[in-house]
PDB file of N, CA and C in Angstrom:
ATOM      1  N   UNK A   1      -4.536  38.536  12.557  1.00  0.00           N
ATOM      2  CA  UNK A   1      -4.794  38.221  11.165  1.00  0.00           C
ATOM      3  C   UNK A   1      -4.688  39.470  10.296  1.00  0.00           C
ATOM      4  N   UNK A   2      -5.281  40.566  10.781  1.00  0.00           N
ATOM      5  CA  UNK A   2      -5.260  41.802   9.997  1.00  0.00           C
ATOM      6  C   UNK A   2      -3.837  42.345   9.877  1.00  0.00           C
ATOM      7  N   UNK A   3      -3.051  42.214  10.934  1.00  0.00           N
ATOM      8  CA  UNK A   3      -1.666  42.682  10.888  1.00  0.00           C
ATOM      9  C   UNK A   3      -0.858  41.886   9.871  1.00  0.00           C
ATOM     10  N   UNK A   4      -1.068  40.590   9.830  1.00  0.00           N
ATOM     11  CA  UNK A   4      -0.355  39.747   8.868  1.00  0.00           C
ATOM     12  C   UNK A   4      -0.720  40.120   7.425  1.00  0.00           C
ATOM     13  N   UNK A   5      -1.985  40.355   7.176  1.00  0.00           N
ATOM     14  CA  UNK A   5      -2.419  40.729   5.831  1.00  0.00           C
ATOM     15  C   UNK A   5      -1.907  42.122   5.482  1.00  0.00           C
ATOM     16  N   UNK A   6      -1.899  43.047   6.457  1.00  0.00           N
ATOM     17  CA  UNK A   6      -1.376  44.390   6.199  1.00  0.00           C
ATOM     18  C   UNK A   6       0.115  44.334   5.872  1.00  0.00           C
ATOM     19  N   UNK A   7       0.853  43.496   6.576  1.00  0.00           N
ATOM     20  CA  UNK A   7       2.275  43.332   6.270  1.00  0.00           C
ATOM     21  C   UNK A   7       2.469  42.716   4.883  1.00  0.00           C
ATOM     22  N   UNK A   8       1.618  41.783   4.526  1.00  0.00           N
ATOM     23  CA  UNK A   8       1.696  41.178   3.188  1.00  0.00           C
ATOM     24  C   UNK A   8       1.438  42.214   2.096  1.00  0.00           C
ATOM     25  N   UNK A   9       0.461  43.075   2.309  1.00  0.00           N
ATOM     26  CA  UNK A   9       0.170  44.135   1.343  1.00  0.00           C
ATOM     27  C   UNK A   9       1.365  45.072   1.217  1.00  0.00           C
ATOM     28  N   UNK A  10       1.966  45.442   2.351  1.00  0.00           N
ATOM     29  CA  UNK A  10       3.127  46.318   2.328  1.00  0.00           C
ATOM     30  C   UNK A  10       4.309  45.698   1.604  1.00  0.00           C
ATOM     31  N   UNK A  11       4.557  44.419   1.854  1.00  0.00           N
ATOM     32  CA  UNK A  11       5.662  43.731   1.188  1.00  0.00           C
ATOM     33  C   UNK A  11       5.416  43.633  -0.316  1.00  0.00           C
ATOM     34  N   UNK A  12       4.187  43.330  -0.710  1.00  0.00           N
ATOM     35  CA  UNK A  12       3.865  43.247  -2.139  1.00  0.00           C
ATOM     36  C   UNK A  12       4.015  44.601  -2.827  1.00  0.00           C
ATOM     37  N   UNK A  13       3.550  45.680  -2.179  1.00  0.00           N
ATOM     38  CA  UNK A  13       3.710  47.010  -2.760  1.00  0.00           C
ATOM     39  C   UNK A  13       5.183  47.382  -2.879  1.00  0.00           C
ATOM     40  N   UNK A  14       5.969  47.088  -1.825  1.00  0.00           N
ATOM     41  CA  UNK A  14       7.391  47.426  -1.859  1.00  0.00           C
ATOM     42  C   UNK A  14       8.125  46.636  -2.938  1.00  0.00           C
ATOM     43  N   UNK A  15       7.839  45.348  -3.031  1.00  0.00           N
ATOM     44  CA  UNK A  15       8.493  44.521  -4.055  1.00  0.00           C
ATOM     45  C   UNK A  15       8.075  44.951  -5.456  1.00  0.00           C
ATOM     46  N   UNK A  16       6.809  45.301  -5.627  1.00  0.00           N
ATOM     47  CA  UNK A  16       6.341  45.771  -6.935  1.00  0.00           C
ATOM     48  C   UNK A  16       6.979  47.091  -7.327  1.00  0.00           C
ATOM     49  N   UNK A  17       7.097  48.012  -6.372  1.00  0.00           N
ATOM     50  CA  UNK A  17       7.736  49.297  -6.669  1.00  0.00           C
ATOM     51  C   UNK A  17       9.215  49.099  -6.985  1.00  0.00           C
ATOM     52  N   UNK A  18       9.867  48.199  -6.276  1.00  0.00           N
ATOM     53  CA  UNK A  18      11.283  47.921  -6.543  1.00  0.00           C
ATOM     54  C   UNK A  18      11.468  47.325  -7.940  1.00  0.00           C
ATOM     55  N   UNK A  19      10.596  46.405  -8.305  1.00  0.00           N
ATOM     56  CA  UNK A  19      10.711  45.778  -9.620  1.00  0.00           C
ATOM     57  C   UNK A  19      10.403  46.771 -10.749  1.00  0.00           C
ATOM     58  N   UNK A  20       9.540  47.754 -10.494  1.00  0.00           N
ATOM     59  CA  UNK A  20       9.242  48.751 -11.522  1.00  0.00           C
ATOM     60  C   UNK A  20      10.438  49.655 -11.809  1.00  0.00           C
ATOM     61  N   UNK A  21      11.370  49.749 -10.882  1.00  0.00           N
ATOM     62  CA  UNK A  21      12.543  50.604 -11.083  1.00  0.00           C
ATOM     63  C   UNK A  21      13.689  49.897 -11.800  1.00  0.00           C
ATOM     64  N   UNK A  22      13.497  48.656 -12.158  1.00  0.00           N
ATOM     65  CA  UNK A  22      14.530  47.911 -12.896  1.00  0.00           C
ATOM     66  C   UNK A  22      14.499  48.305 -14.365  1.00  0.00           C
ATOM     67  N   UNK A  23      15.531  47.922 -15.117  1.00  0.00           N
ATOM     68  CA  UNK A  23      15.639  48.307 -16.520  1.00  0.00           C
ATOM     69  C   UNK A  23      15.080  47.261 -17.470  1.00  0.00           C
ATOM     70  N   UNK A  24      14.837  46.080 -17.018  1.00  0.00           N
ATOM     71  CA  UNK A  24      14.366  45.006 -17.886  1.00  0.00           C
ATOM     72  C   UNK A  24      12.841  45.036 -17.977  1.00  0.00           C
ATOM     73  N   UNK A  25      12.343  44.823 -19.196  1.00  0.00           N
ATOM     74  CA  UNK A  25      10.893  44.779 -19.389  1.00  0.00           C
ATOM     75  C   UNK A  25      10.245  43.656 -18.590  1.00  0.00           C
ATOM     76  N   UNK A  26      10.904  42.527 -18.516  1.00  0.00           N
ATOM     77  CA  UNK A  26      10.342  41.380 -17.795  1.00  0.00           C
ATOM     78  C   UNK A  26      10.165  41.715 -16.319  1.00  0.00           C
ATOM     79  N   UNK A  27      11.145  42.384 -15.744  1.00  0.00           N
ATOM     80  CA  UNK A  27      11.038  42.765 -14.329  1.00  0.00           C
ATOM     81  C   UNK A  27       9.958  43.821 -14.118  1.00  0.00           C
ATOM     82  N   UNK A  28       9.759  44.667 -15.101  1.00  0.00           N
ATOM     83  CA  UNK A  28       8.690  45.662 -15.005  1.00  0.00           C
ATOM     84  C   UNK A  28       7.326  44.978 -15.016  1.00  0.00           C
ATOM     85  N   UNK A  29       7.170  43.967 -15.845  1.00  0.00           N
ATOM     86  CA  UNK A  29       5.896  43.228 -15.884  1.00  0.00           C
ATOM     87  C   UNK A  29       5.662  42.498 -14.561  1.00  0.00           C
ATOM     88  N   UNK A  30       6.711  41.918 -13.998  1.00  0.00           N
ATOM     89  CA  UNK A  30       6.580  41.261 -12.695  1.00  0.00           C
ATOM     90  C   UNK A  30       6.192  42.275 -11.632  1.00  0.00           C
ATOM     91  N   UNK A  31       6.776  43.470 -11.689  1.00  0.00           N
ATOM     92  CA  UNK A  31       6.420  44.531 -10.749  1.00  0.00           C
ATOM     93  C   UNK A  31       4.972  44.956 -10.886  1.00  0.00           C
ATOM     94  N   UNK A  32       4.492  45.062 -12.118  1.00  0.00           N
ATOM     95  CA  UNK A  32       3.081  45.402 -12.327  1.00  0.00           C
ATOM     96  C   UNK A  32       2.155  44.321 -11.776  1.00  0.00           C
ATOM     97  N   UNK A  33       2.536  43.077 -11.955  1.00  0.00           N
ATOM     98  CA  UNK A  33       1.719  41.984 -11.414  1.00  0.00           C
ATOM     99  C   UNK A  33       1.690  42.026  -9.893  1.00  0.00           C
ATOM    100  N   UNK A  34       2.838  42.282  -9.280  1.00  0.00           N
ATOM    101  CA  UNK A  34       2.879  42.374  -7.812  1.00  0.00           C
ATOM    102  C   UNK A  34       2.037  43.536  -7.303  1.00  0.00           C
ATOM    103  N   UNK A  35       2.100  44.669  -7.985  1.00  0.00           N
ATOM    104  CA  UNK A  35       1.271  45.803  -7.579  1.00  0.00           C
ATOM    105  C   UNK A  35      -0.219  45.497  -7.730  1.00  0.00           C
ATOM    106  N   UNK A  36      -0.571  44.776  -8.783  1.00  0.00           N
ATOM    107  CA  UNK A  36      -1.971  44.393  -8.956  1.00  0.00           C
ATOM    108  C   UNK A  36      -2.455  43.461  -7.857  1.00  0.00           C
ATOM    109  N   UNK A  37      -1.616  42.503  -7.494  1.00  0.00           N
ATOM    110  CA  UNK A  37      -1.990  41.593  -6.407  1.00  0.00           C
ATOM    111  C   UNK A  37      -2.105  42.339  -5.082  1.00  0.00           C
ATOM    112  N   UNK A  38      -1.195  43.282  -4.847  1.00  0.00           N
ATOM    113  CA  UNK A  38      -1.254  44.059  -3.610  1.00  0.00           C
ATOM    114  C   UNK A  38      -2.519  44.907  -3.555  1.00  0.00           C
ATOM    115  N   UNK A  39      -2.890  45.512  -4.673  1.00  0.00           N
ATOM    116  CA  UNK A  39      -4.108  46.324  -4.696  1.00  0.00           C
ATOM    117  C   UNK A  39      -5.349  45.466  -4.465  1.00  0.00           C
ATOM    118  N   UNK A  40      -5.385  44.275  -5.067  1.00  0.00           N
ATOM    119  CA  UNK A  40      -6.527  43.376  -4.853  1.00  0.00           C
ATOM    120  C   UNK A  40      -6.625  42.951  -3.398  1.00  0.00           C
ATOM    121  N   UNK A  41      -5.500  42.632  -2.798  1.00  0.00           N
ATOM    122  CA  UNK A  41      -5.498  42.231  -1.392  1.00  0.00           C
ATOM    123  C   UNK A  41      -5.903  43.391  -0.495  1.00  0.00           C
ATOM    124  N   UNK A  42      -5.480  44.603  -0.841  1.00  0.00           N
ATOM    125  CA  UNK A  42      -5.853  45.780  -0.062  1.00  0.00           C
ATOM    126  C   UNK A  42      -7.350  46.031  -0.126  1.00  0.00           C
ATOM    127  N   UNK A  43      -7.944  45.888  -1.303  1.00  0.00           N
ATOM    128  CA  UNK A  43      -9.396  46.063  -1.434  1.00  0.00           C
ATOM    129  C   UNK A  43     -10.129  45.016  -0.611  1.00  0.00           C
ATOM    130  N   UNK A  44      -9.639  43.797  -0.651  1.00  0.00           N
ATOM    131  CA  UNK A  44     -10.301  42.721   0.091  1.00  0.00           C
ATOM    132  C   UNK A  44     -10.232  42.961   1.592  1.00  0.00           C
ATOM    133  N   UNK A  45      -9.079  43.404   2.069  1.00  0.00           N
ATOM    134  CA  UNK A  45      -8.912  43.613   3.509  1.00  0.00           C
ATOM    135  C   UNK A  45      -9.640  44.864   3.973  1.00  0.00           C
ATOM    136  N   UNK A  46      -9.668  45.902   3.149  1.00  0.00           N
ATOM    137  CA  UNK A  46     -10.336  47.135   3.560  1.00  0.00           C
ATOM    138  C   UNK A  46     -11.843  46.950   3.700  1.00  0.00           C
ATOM    139  N   UNK A  47     -12.408  45.956   3.045  1.00  0.00           N
ATOM    140  CA  UNK A  47     -13.835  45.673   3.178  1.00  0.00           C
ATOM    141  C   UNK A  47     -14.156  45.035   4.518  1.00  0.00           C
ATOM    142  N   UNK A  48     -13.136  44.507   5.172  1.00  0.00           N
ATOM    143  CA  UNK A  48     -13.359  43.865   6.464  1.00  0.00           C
ATOM    144  C   UNK A  48     -13.531  42.369   6.307  1.00  0.00           C
ATOM    145  N   UNK A  49     -12.786  41.640   7.109  1.00  0.00           N
ATOM    146  CA  UNK A  49     -12.894  40.185   7.083  1.00  0.00           C
ATOM    147  C   UNK A  49     -14.027  39.777   8.019  1.00  0.00           C
ATOM    148  N   UNK A  50     -15.124  39.350   7.457  1.00  0.00           N
ATOM    149  CA  UNK A  50     -16.312  39.010   8.244  1.00  0.00           C
ATOM    150  C   UNK A  50     -16.555  37.523   8.145  1.00  0.00           C
ATOM    151  N   UNK A  51     -16.631  36.888   9.307  1.00  0.00           N
ATOM    152  CA  UNK A  51     -17.049  35.490   9.330  1.00  0.00           C
ATOM    153  C   UNK A  51     -18.554  35.494   9.533  1.00  0.00           C
ATOM    154  N   UNK A  52     -19.248  35.405   8.455  1.00  0.00           N
ATOM    155  CA  UNK A  52     -20.699  35.469   8.550  1.00  0.00           C
ATOM    156  C   UNK A  52     -21.346  34.643   7.470  1.00  0.00           C
ATOM    157  N   UNK A  53     -22.611  34.828   7.366  1.00  0.00           N
ATOM    158  CA  UNK A  53     -23.375  34.105   6.371  1.00  0.00           C
ATOM    159  C   UNK A  53     -23.316  34.816   5.041  1.00  0.00           C
ATOM    160  N   UNK A  54     -23.647  34.115   3.971  1.00  0.00           N
ATOM    161  CA  UNK A  54     -23.749  34.809   2.681  1.00  0.00           C
ATOM    162  C   UNK A  54     -24.937  35.768   2.721  1.00  0.00           C
ATOM    163  N   UNK A  55     -24.890  36.834   1.936  1.00  0.00           N
ATOM    164  CA  UNK A  55     -25.957  37.842   1.997  1.00  0.00           C
ATOM    165  C   UNK A  55     -27.227  37.419   1.274  1.00  0.00           C
ATOM    166  N   UNK A  56     -27.842  36.366   1.770  1.00  0.00           N
ATOM    167  CA  UNK A  56     -29.105  35.895   1.191  1.00  0.00           C
ATOM    168  C   UNK A  56     -30.260  36.494   1.996  1.00  0.00           C
ATOM    169  N   UNK A  57     -31.265  36.969   1.303  1.00  0.00           N
ATOM    170  CA  UNK A  57     -32.392  37.623   1.946  1.00  0.00           C
ATOM    171  C   UNK A  57     -33.568  36.655   1.987  1.00  0.00           C
ATOM    172  N   UNK A  58     -34.149  36.528   3.173  1.00  0.00           N
ATOM    173  CA  UNK A  58     -35.348  35.703   3.303  1.00  0.00           C
ATOM    174  C   UNK A  58     -36.497  36.335   2.513  1.00  0.00           C
ATOM    175  N   UNK A  59     -37.418  35.520   2.029  1.00  0.00           N
ATOM    176  CA  UNK A  59     -38.547  36.090   1.269  1.00  0.00           C
ATOM    177  C   UNK A  59     -39.408  37.049   2.092  1.00  0.00           C
ATOM    178  N   UNK A  60     -39.397  36.892   3.420  1.00  0.00           N
ATOM    179  CA  UNK A  60     -40.217  37.767   4.259  1.00  0.00           C
ATOM    180  C   UNK A  60     -39.480  39.023   4.702  1.00  0.00           C
ATOM    181  N   UNK A  61     -38.162  39.066   4.572  1.00  0.00           N
ATOM    182  CA  UNK A  61     -37.375  40.210   5.031  1.00  0.00           C
ATOM    183  C   UNK A  61     -37.019  41.123   3.857  1.00  0.00           C
ATOM    184  N   UNK A  62     -36.588  42.332   4.198  1.00  0.00           N
ATOM    185  CA  UNK A  62     -36.169  43.283   3.164  1.00  0.00           C
ATOM    186  C   UNK A  62     -34.650  43.437   3.087  1.00  0.00           C
ATOM    187  N   UNK A  63     -33.960  43.080   4.155  1.00  0.00           N
ATOM    188  CA  UNK A  63     -32.490  43.165   4.181  1.00  0.00           C
ATOM    189  C   UNK A  63     -31.944  41.845   4.735  1.00  0.00           C
ATOM    190  N   UNK A  64     -30.709  41.493   4.417  1.00  0.00           N
ATOM    191  CA  UNK A  64     -30.141  40.271   4.971  1.00  0.00           C
ATOM    192  C   UNK A  64     -29.888  40.405   6.466  1.00  0.00           C
ATOM    193  N   UNK A  65     -29.977  39.296   7.165  1.00  0.00           N
ATOM    194  CA  UNK A  65     -29.736  39.289   8.604  1.00  0.00           C
ATOM    195  C   UNK A  65     -28.245  39.446   8.882  1.00  0.00           C
ATOM    196  N   UNK A  66     -27.923  40.154   9.957  1.00  0.00           N
ATOM    197  CA  UNK A  66     -26.520  40.361  10.347  1.00  0.00           C
ATOM    198  C   UNK A  66     -26.005  39.152  11.092  1.00  0.00           C
ATOM    199  N   UNK A  67     -24.745  38.808  11.079  1.00  0.00           N
ATOM    200  CA  UNK A  67     -23.696  39.349  10.214  1.00  0.00           C
ATOM    201  C   UNK A  67     -23.744  38.685   8.842  1.00  0.00           C
ATOM    202  N   UNK A  68     -23.470  39.464   7.845  1.00  0.00           N
ATOM    203  CA  UNK A  68     -23.414  38.923   6.487  1.00  0.00           C
ATOM    204  C   UNK A  68     -22.186  39.498   5.784  1.00  0.00           C
ATOM    205  N   UNK A  69     -21.653  38.722   4.864  1.00  0.00           N
ATOM    206  CA  UNK A  69     -20.476  39.145   4.107  1.00  0.00           C
ATOM    207  C   UNK A  69     -20.903  40.055   2.961  1.00  0.00           C
ATOM    208  N   UNK A  70     -20.106  41.082   2.716  1.00  0.00           N
ATOM    209  CA  UNK A  70     -20.401  42.021   1.626  1.00  0.00           C
ATOM    210  C   UNK A  70     -19.878  41.440   0.311  1.00  0.00           C
ATOM    211  N   UNK A  71     -20.724  41.241  -0.690  1.00  0.00           N
ATOM    212  CA  UNK A  71     -20.265  40.646  -1.946  1.00  0.00           C
ATOM    213  C   UNK A  71     -19.587  41.634  -2.897  1.00  0.00           C
ATOM    214  N   UNK A  72     -19.696  42.934  -2.654  1.00  0.00           N
ATOM    215  CA  UNK A  72     -19.151  43.919  -3.581  1.00  0.00           C
ATOM    216  C   UNK A  72     -17.625  43.873  -3.696  1.00  0.00           C
ATOM    217  N   UNK A  73     -16.852  43.802  -2.595  1.00  0.00           N
ATOM    218  CA  UNK A  73     -15.393  43.737  -2.759  1.00  0.00           C
ATOM    219  C   UNK A  73     -14.934  42.515  -3.542  1.00  0.00           C
ATOM    220  N   UNK A  74     -15.559  41.386  -3.318  1.00  0.00           N
ATOM    221  CA  UNK A  74     -15.182  40.182  -4.059  1.00  0.00           C
ATOM    222  C   UNK A  74     -15.481  40.348  -5.545  1.00  0.00           C
ATOM    223  N   UNK A  75     -16.602  40.971  -5.873  1.00  0.00           N
ATOM    224  CA  UNK A  75     -16.931  41.204  -7.286  1.00  0.00           C
ATOM    225  C   UNK A  75     -15.947  42.178  -7.925  1.00  0.00           C
ATOM    226  N   UNK A  76     -15.564  43.212  -7.199  1.00  0.00           N
ATOM    227  CA  UNK A  76     -14.580  44.163  -7.717  1.00  0.00           C
ATOM    228  C   UNK A  76     -13.226  43.497  -7.950  1.00  0.00           C
ATOM    229  N   UNK A  77     -12.833  42.648  -7.030  1.00  0.00           N
ATOM    230  CA  UNK A  77     -11.545  41.970  -7.153  1.00  0.00           C
ATOM    231  C   UNK A  77     -11.565  40.998  -8.328  1.00  0.00           C
ATOM    232  N   UNK A  78     -12.644  40.273  -8.506  1.00  0.00           N
ATOM    233  CA  UNK A  78     -12.733  39.361  -9.649  1.00  0.00           C
ATOM    234  C   UNK A  78     -12.658  40.121 -10.974  1.00  0.00           C
ATOM    235  N   UNK A  79     -13.311  41.267 -11.034  1.00  0.00           N
ATOM    236  CA  UNK A  79     -13.232  42.087 -12.236  1.00  0.00           C
ATOM    237  C   UNK A  79     -11.811  42.585 -12.464  1.00  0.00           C
ATOM    238  N   UNK A  80     -11.155  43.012 -11.391  1.00  0.00           N
ATOM    239  CA  UNK A  80      -9.775  43.499 -11.502  1.00  0.00           C
ATOM    240  C   UNK A  80      -8.825  42.386 -11.923  1.00  0.00           C
ATOM    241  N   UNK A  81      -9.052  41.174 -11.464  1.00  0.00           N
ATOM    242  CA  UNK A  81      -8.197  40.051 -11.854  1.00  0.00           C
ATOM    243  C   UNK A  81      -8.326  39.772 -13.348  1.00  0.00           C
ATOM    244  N   UNK A  82      -9.540  39.785 -13.861  1.00  0.00           N
ATOM    245  CA  UNK A  82      -9.752  39.533 -15.284  1.00  0.00           C
ATOM    246  C   UNK A  82      -9.112  40.620 -16.141  1.00  0.00           C
ATOM    247  N   UNK A  83      -9.293  41.872 -15.740  1.00  0.00           N
ATOM    248  CA  UNK A  83      -8.708  42.976 -16.497  1.00  0.00           C
ATOM    249  C   UNK A  83      -7.190  42.932 -16.431  1.00  0.00           C
ATOM    250  N   UNK A  84      -6.623  42.662 -15.261  1.00  0.00           N
ATOM    251  CA  UNK A  84      -5.161  42.616 -15.141  1.00  0.00           C
ATOM    252  C   UNK A  84      -4.583  41.442 -15.927  1.00  0.00           C
ATOM    253  N   UNK A  85      -5.306  40.338 -16.006  1.00  0.00           N
ATOM    254  CA  UNK A  85      -4.842  39.217 -16.814  1.00  0.00           C
ATOM    255  C   UNK A  85      -4.771  39.602 -18.287  1.00  0.00           C
ATOM    256  N   UNK A  86      -5.780  40.309 -18.761  1.00  0.00           N
ATOM    257  CA  UNK A  86      -5.782  40.735 -20.162  1.00  0.00           C
ATOM    258  C   UNK A  86      -4.657  41.730 -20.433  1.00  0.00           C
ATOM    259  N   UNK A  87      -4.453  42.673 -19.526  1.00  0.00           N
ATOM    260  CA  UNK A  87      -3.395  43.663 -19.711  1.00  0.00           C
ATOM    261  C   UNK A  87      -2.020  43.001 -19.649  1.00  0.00           C
ATOM    262  N   UNK A  88      -1.828  42.064 -18.730  1.00  0.00           N
ATOM    263  CA  UNK A  88      -0.545  41.357 -18.633  1.00  0.00           C
ATOM    264  C   UNK A  88      -0.277  40.527 -19.895  1.00  0.00           C
ATOM    265  N   UNK A  89      -1.294  39.875 -20.410  1.00  0.00           N
ATOM    266  CA  UNK A  89      -1.116  39.086 -21.633  1.00  0.00           C
ATOM    267  C   UNK A  89      -0.715  39.978 -22.800  1.00  0.00           C
ATOM    268  N   UNK A  90      -1.371  41.108 -22.941  1.00  0.00           N
ATOM    269  CA  UNK A  90      -1.042  42.038 -24.009  1.00  0.00           C
ATOM    270  C   UNK A  90       0.370  42.593 -23.829  1.00  0.00           C
ATOM    271  N   UNK A  91       0.749  42.903 -22.604  1.00  0.00           N
ATOM    272  CA  UNK A  91       2.085  43.435 -22.325  1.00  0.00           C
ATOM    273  C   UNK A  91       3.163  42.408 -22.634  1.00  0.00           C
ATOM    274  N   UNK A  92       2.919  41.170 -22.290  1.00  0.00           N
ATOM    275  CA  UNK A  92       3.903  40.122 -22.563  1.00  0.00           C
ATOM    276  C   UNK A  92       4.081  39.931 -24.067  1.00  0.00           C
ATOM    277  N   UNK A  93       2.991  40.000 -24.826  1.00  0.00           N
ATOM    278  CA  UNK A  93       3.098  39.883 -26.281  1.00  0.00           C
ATOM    279  C   UNK A  93       3.886  41.059 -26.852  1.00  0.00           C
ATOM    280  N   UNK A  94       3.642  42.256 -26.345  1.00  0.00           N
ATOM    281  CA  UNK A  94       4.396  43.424 -26.814  1.00  0.00           C
ATOM    282  C   UNK A  94       5.884  43.305 -26.487  1.00  0.00           C
ATOM    283  N   UNK A  95       6.192  42.809 -25.306  1.00  0.00           N
ATOM    284  CA  UNK A  95       7.594  42.643 -24.911  1.00  0.00           C
ATOM    285  C   UNK A  95       8.271  41.603 -25.801  1.00  0.00           C
ATOM    286  N   UNK A  96       7.569  40.522 -26.079  1.00  0.00           N
ATOM    287  CA  UNK A  96       8.142  39.486 -26.950  1.00  0.00           C
ATOM    288  C   UNK A  96       8.410  40.050 -28.336  1.00  0.00           C
ATOM    289  N   UNK A  97       7.490  40.815 -28.856  1.00  0.00           N
ATOM    290  CA  UNK A  97       7.666  41.409 -30.183  1.00  0.00           C
ATOM    291  C   UNK A  97       8.818  42.416 -30.199  1.00  0.00           C
ATOM    292  N   UNK A  98       8.926  43.231 -29.153  1.00  0.00           N
ATOM    293  CA  UNK A  98      10.030  44.191 -29.075  1.00  0.00           C
ATOM    294  C   UNK A  98      11.364  43.470 -28.961  1.00  0.00           C
ATOM    295  N   UNK A  99      11.396  42.383 -28.219  1.00  0.00           N
ATOM    296  CA  UNK A  99      12.630  41.615 -28.088  1.00  0.00           C
ATOM    297  C   UNK A  99      13.028  40.984 -29.425  1.00  0.00           C
ATOM    298  N   UNK A 100      12.053  40.508 -30.179  1.00  0.00           N
ATOM    299  CA  UNK A 100      12.363  39.925 -31.487  1.00  0.00           C
ATOM    300  C   UNK A 100      12.893  40.970 -32.456  1.00  0.00           C
ATOM    301  N   UNK A 101      12.350  42.165 -32.426  1.00  0.00           N
ATOM    302  CA  UNK A 101      12.787  43.218 -33.344  1.00  0.00           C
ATOM    303  C   UNK A 101      14.114  43.847 -32.935  1.00  0.00           C
ATOM    304  N   UNK A 102      14.281  44.125 -31.654  1.00  0.00           N
ATOM    305  CA  UNK A 102      15.439  44.876 -31.193  1.00  0.00           C
ATOM    306  C   UNK A 102      16.554  43.964 -30.705  1.00  0.00           C
ATOM    307  N   UNK A 103      16.192  42.835 -30.111  1.00  0.00           N
ATOM    308  CA  UNK A 103      17.201  41.893 -29.637  1.00  0.00           C
ATOM    309  C   UNK A 103      17.572  42.063 -28.186  1.00  0.00           C
ATOM    310  N   UNK A 104      16.898  42.942 -27.464  1.00  0.00           N
ATOM    311  CA  UNK A 104      17.177  43.130 -26.046  1.00  0.00           C
ATOM    312  C   UNK A 104      15.901  43.565 -25.338  1.00  0.00           C
ATOM    313  N   UNK A 105      15.889  43.346 -24.033  1.00  0.00           N
ATOM    314  CA  UNK A 105      14.760  43.836 -23.239  1.00  0.00           C
ATOM    315  C   UNK A 105      15.208  44.902 -22.244  1.00  0.00           C
ATOM    316  N   UNK A 106      16.442  45.369 -22.379  1.00  0.00           N
ATOM    317  CA  UNK A 106      16.987  46.401 -21.509  1.00  0.00           C
ATOM    318  C   UNK A 106      16.563  47.774 -22.032  1.00  0.00           C
ATOM    319  N   UNK A 107      15.978  48.585 -21.168  1.00  0.00           N
ATOM    320  CA  UNK A 107      15.492  49.894 -21.591  1.00  0.00           C
ATOM    321  C   UNK A 107      16.623  50.840 -21.964  1.00  0.00           C
ATOM    322  N   UNK A 108      17.789  50.703 -21.343  1.00  0.00           N
ATOM    323  CA  UNK A 108      18.912  51.583 -21.664  1.00  0.00           C
ATOM    324  C   UNK A 108      19.491  51.299 -23.043  1.00  0.00           C
ATOM    325  N   UNK A 109      19.374  50.071 -23.506  1.00  0.00           N
ATOM    326  CA  UNK A 109      19.906  49.726 -24.824  1.00  0.00           C
ATOM    327  C   UNK A 109      18.952  50.093 -25.953  1.00  0.00           C
ATOM    328  N   UNK A 110      17.721  50.413 -25.626  1.00  0.00           N
ATOM    329  CA  UNK A 110      16.731  50.810 -26.636  1.00  0.00           C
ATOM    330  C   UNK A 110      16.795  52.319 -26.817  1.00  0.00           C
ATOM    331  N   UNK A 111      17.851  52.799 -27.419  1.00  0.00           N
ATOM    332  CA  UNK A 111      18.069  54.237 -27.566  1.00  0.00           C
ATOM    333  C   UNK A 111      17.431  54.777 -28.835  1.00  0.00           C
ATOM    334  N   UNK A 112      17.418  53.981 -29.861  1.00  0.00           N
ATOM    335  CA  UNK A 112      16.976  54.464 -31.162  1.00  0.00           C
ATOM    336  C   UNK A 112      15.710  53.741 -31.591  1.00  0.00           C
ATOM    337  N   UNK A 113      14.900  54.448 -32.356  1.00  0.00           N
ATOM    338  CA  UNK A 113      13.700  53.825 -32.911  1.00  0.00           C
ATOM    339  C   UNK A 113      14.001  53.191 -34.263  1.00  0.00           C
ATOM    340  N   UNK A 114      15.193  53.434 -34.806  1.00  0.00           N
ATOM    341  CA  UNK A 114      15.594  52.842 -36.077  1.00  0.00           C
ATOM    342  C   UNK A 114      16.036  51.407 -35.847  1.00  0.00           C
ATOM    343  N   UNK A 115      15.789  50.523 -36.837  1.00  0.00           N
ATOM    344  CA  UNK A 115      16.241  49.135 -36.717  1.00  0.00           C
ATOM    345  C   UNK A 115      17.423  48.884 -37.591  1.00  0.00           C
TER     346      UNK A 115
END
C-alpha cells in the first residue's frame, strides 16, 4: 500500500513539474494543482497510515489508548486544500482577465506590457 501511494506521489510531482514548464497559463495552473495534490498526499502518507481508533480520550485517562489515528495531518491537509482552492480561483480569474486584455495565454507572445 505504501509503495503504491509513494509511486502516486512521485507521478503527481513529475506531472506537475512537467506542466509547470509549459508556456500556457492554463497548463501552469494545472501543474500547480497537481503539485498541491502531491504535497497533500505526501503529508498524509508521511504521518503513517494507521488503522486504529479515533483519538478520543476516556474521562478517566490522560492520553488516548493505542493505536489511535493522529488528527494533525488531516487538519493540515484540510487547511491546505482550502487555501489552494482560494489561490487557484484567484489565479484562474487573473488568467481570464489577462486573456481578455491580451488575447492569448501563451507566455512567449506576452512580450510587451503595452496594449
